[in-house]
Amino acid sequence: MLGNKKSVISVSGKTTLVSRDTEISGDVRFSGVLEIEGVVRGNIIAQPGKDSLVRVVEKGRVEGEIRAPSVIINGAVEGNVYSSRHLELAAKARVQGNVFYVMAEMAAGAEVNGSMAHVAEADVDKVKKADTEAPGAGAGRKPAGVAAISSKLD
């Protein structure tokens, strides 16, 4: 991810592409690899127990939550991101929401306007449940004990 280095995330299975001129309204449930070059207005949810990857490319946009083991963002996301394995925020990533991760890489230039919280792999499901059940849950809510971070690395 960083620099010219190729991503270390490897996922087997089929690839689904949301192409540049495509717009999807509604939740997307998937397994394998989901590449987003267009716009998704809805939540993106990987099938439980599957090795899945969501990749939002530079011109891609998601208006909703992302819940997947592996997530690579180089486009725009308006919503919370839950990564139970590996998260990569590339140089042009723009996240407006809270980010929950087990392991993360963040390139210079990436932005997260919300909170970032490291969670143990075993606690990812608990965080997802607490975040969706809490009053006022959503992109603007901060989890207990986590300082708000608005970071832009230049």
Protein backbone atom coordinates (compact mmCIF):
# COMPACT_ATOMS: atom_id res chain seq x y z
CA MET A 1 0.00 0.00 0.00
CA LEU A 2 2.50 2.59 1.11
CA GLY A 3 4.57 3.99 -1.71
CA ASN A 4 4.90 1.60 -4.64
CA LYS A 5 4.71 -1.48 -2.44
CA LYS A 6 1.94 -3.90 -3.37
CA SER A 7 -0.69 -4.60 -0.69
CA VAL A 8 0.05 -7.55 1.57
CA ILE A 9 -3.64 -8.44 1.88
CA SER A 10 -4.52 -11.58 -0.05
CA VAL A 11 -8.04 -12.96 -0.32
CA SER A 12 -9.20 -15.92 -2.36
CA GLY A 13 -12.56 -16.03 -4.05
CA LYS A 14 -14.48 -14.10 -6.63
CA THR A 15 -14.14 -10.37 -7.25
CA THR A 16 -17.16 -8.09 -7.53
CA LEU A 17 -16.63 -4.71 -9.18
CA VAL A 18 -18.76 -1.62 -8.71
CA SER A 19 -17.48 0.27 -11.76
CA ARG A 20 -16.86 3.99 -12.04
CA ASP A 21 -20.23 4.93 -13.57
CA THR A 22 -22.25 2.64 -11.28
CA GLU A 23 -24.29 3.75 -8.29
CA ILE A 24 -25.83 1.26 -5.85
CA SER A 25 -28.49 2.24 -3.31
CA GLY A 26 -28.97 -0.36 -0.58
CA ASP A 27 -26.88 -2.70 1.53
CA VAL A 28 -24.31 -4.94 -0.14
CA ARG A 29 -23.54 -8.35 1.40
CA PHE A 30 -20.62 -10.17 -0.18
CA SER A 31 -17.74 -12.62 0.13
CA GLY A 32 -14.40 -12.59 -1.68
CA VAL A 33 -13.22 -9.22 -2.96
CA LEU A 34 -15.43 -6.15 -3.46
CA GLU A 35 -13.82 -3.35 -5.54
CA ILE A 36 -15.60 0.00 -5.44
CA GLU A 37 -14.84 2.51 -8.17
CA GLY A 38 -18.36 3.96 -8.23
CA VAL A 39 -20.77 4.93 -5.43
CA VAL A 40 -22.44 2.70 -2.83
CA ARG A 41 -25.19 4.34 -0.75
CA GLY A 42 -25.74 1.70 1.90
CA ASN A 43 -23.82 -0.58 4.24
CA ILE A 44 -21.20 -3.00 2.99
CA ILE A 45 -21.16 -6.22 5.00
CA ALA A 46 -18.89 -9.22 4.48
CA GLN A 47 -20.40 -12.66 5.06
CA PRO A 48 -19.43 -13.95 8.53
CA GLY A 49 -16.70 -16.56 8.60
CA LYS A 50 -15.45 -15.71 5.11
CA ASP A 51 -12.08 -14.21 4.16
CA SER A 52 -13.22 -10.97 2.52
CA LEU A 53 -11.71 -7.70 1.31
CA VAL A 54 -13.30 -4.34 0.51
CA ARG A 55 -11.24 -1.98 -1.63
CA VAL A 56 -12.46 1.61 -2.18
CA VAL A 57 -10.33 3.07 -4.96
CA GLU A 58 -9.39 6.73 -5.42
CA LYS A 59 -12.62 7.84 -7.14
CA GLY A 60 -14.82 5.39 -5.21
CA ARG A 61 -17.30 6.51 -2.57
CA VAL A 62 -19.23 4.71 0.19
CA GLU A 63 -22.06 6.39 2.10
CA GLY A 64 -22.64 3.84 4.84
CA GLU A 65 -20.77 1.46 7.12
CA ILE A 66 -18.11 -0.99 6.02
CA ARG A 67 -17.84 -4.26 7.98
CA ALA A 68 -15.20 -6.66 6.66
CA PRO A 69 -12.09 -8.51 7.80
CA SER A 70 -9.81 -6.60 5.41
CA VAL A 71 -10.40 -3.06 4.15
CA ILE A 72 -8.30 -0.87 1.84
CA ILE A 73 -9.44 2.73 1.38
CA ASN A 74 -8.06 5.24 -1.10
CA GLY A 75 -11.39 6.96 -1.80
CA ALA A 76 -14.14 8.48 0.37
CA VAL A 77 -16.17 6.80 3.12
CA GLU A 78 -18.95 8.51 5.06
CA GLY A 79 -19.72 6.07 7.84
CA ASN A 80 -18.04 3.83 10.38
CA VAL A 81 -15.43 1.29 9.30
CA TYR A 82 -15.03 -2.04 11.13
CA SER A 83 -12.01 -4.13 10.13
CA SER A 84 -11.51 -7.37 12.04
CA ARG A 85 -8.16 -8.19 10.45
CA HIS A 86 -6.30 -5.52 8.47
CA LEU A 87 -7.07 -1.92 7.50
CA GLU A 88 -5.09 0.17 5.02
CA LEU A 89 -5.70 3.89 4.60
CA ALA A 90 -3.90 5.03 1.46
CA ALA A 91 -2.74 8.58 0.71
CA LYS A 92 -6.08 9.77 -0.75
CA ALA A 93 -8.32 8.06 1.83
CA ARG A 94 -11.01 10.29 3.37
CA VAL A 95 -13.05 8.72 6.18
CA GLN A 96 -15.85 10.67 7.84
CA GLY A 97 -16.74 8.38 10.72
CA ASN A 98 -15.30 6.16 13.42
CA VAL A 99 -12.72 3.50 12.58
CA PHE A 100 -12.37 0.25 14.52
CA TYR A 101 -9.38 -1.91 13.61
CA VAL A 102 -7.19 -4.80 14.76
CA MET A 103 -4.18 -3.83 12.63
CA ALA A 104 -3.86 -0.64 10.56
CA GLU A 105 -1.56 1.11 8.12
CA MET A 106 -2.05 4.80 7.38
CA ALA A 107 -0.19 6.63 4.62
CA ALA A 108 0.81 10.29 4.69
CA GLY A 109 -2.12 12.33 3.38
CA ALA A 110 -4.88 10.01 4.59
CA GLU A 111 -7.67 11.65 6.65
CA VAL A 112 -9.89 10.25 9.39
CA ASN A 113 -12.48 12.67 10.73
CA GLY A 114 -13.83 10.70 13.66
CA SER A 115 -12.30 8.44 16.25
CA MET A 116 -9.89 5.58 15.71
CA ALA A 117 -10.04 2.68 18.14
CA HIS A 118 -7.81 -0.36 18.28
CA VAL A 119 -9.79 -3.41 19.32
CA ALA A 120 -8.63 -6.93 20.07
CA GLU A 121 -9.70 -9.37 17.37
CA ALA A 122 -12.02 -11.12 19.84
CA ASP A 123 -13.73 -7.81 20.71
CA VAL A 124 -14.67 -6.69 17.17
CA ASP A 125 -18.17 -8.22 17.36
CA LYS A 126 -18.78 -6.59 20.76
CA VAL A 127 -17.82 -3.17 19.38
CA LYS A 128 -20.10 -3.63 16.35
CA LYS A 129 -23.04 -4.58 18.58
CA ALA A 130 -22.47 -1.77 21.12
CA ASP A 131 -22.05 0.81 18.37
CA THR A 132 -25.31 -0.13 16.63
CA GLU A 133 -27.36 -0.42 19.84
CA ALA A 134 -26.21 2.79 21.55
CA PRO A 135 -28.43 5.87 21.34
CA GLY A 136 -27.12 8.26 18.71
CA ALA A 137 -24.92 5.58 17.16
CA GLY A 138 -23.39 6.57 13.88
CA ALA A 139 -20.60 8.48 12.25
CA GLY A 140 -20.58 11.29 14.82
CA ARG A 141 -20.67 9.16 17.97
CA LYS A 142 -17.45 8.48 19.84
CA PRO A 143 -17.00 5.18 21.69
CA ALA A 144 -16.44 5.46 25.43
CA GLY A 145 -12.84 6.13 26.39
CA VAL A 146 -11.66 6.97 22.89
CA ALA A 147 -10.47 10.47 22.13
CA ALA A 148 -11.74 12.03 18.94
CA ILE A 149 -9.11 12.21 16.29
CA SER A 150 -9.18 14.38 13.26
CA SER A 151 -5.92 13.59 11.59
CA LYS A 152 -4.41 14.61 8.33
CA LEU A 153 -0.87 13.50 7.70
CA ASP A 154 0.93 15.67 5.18
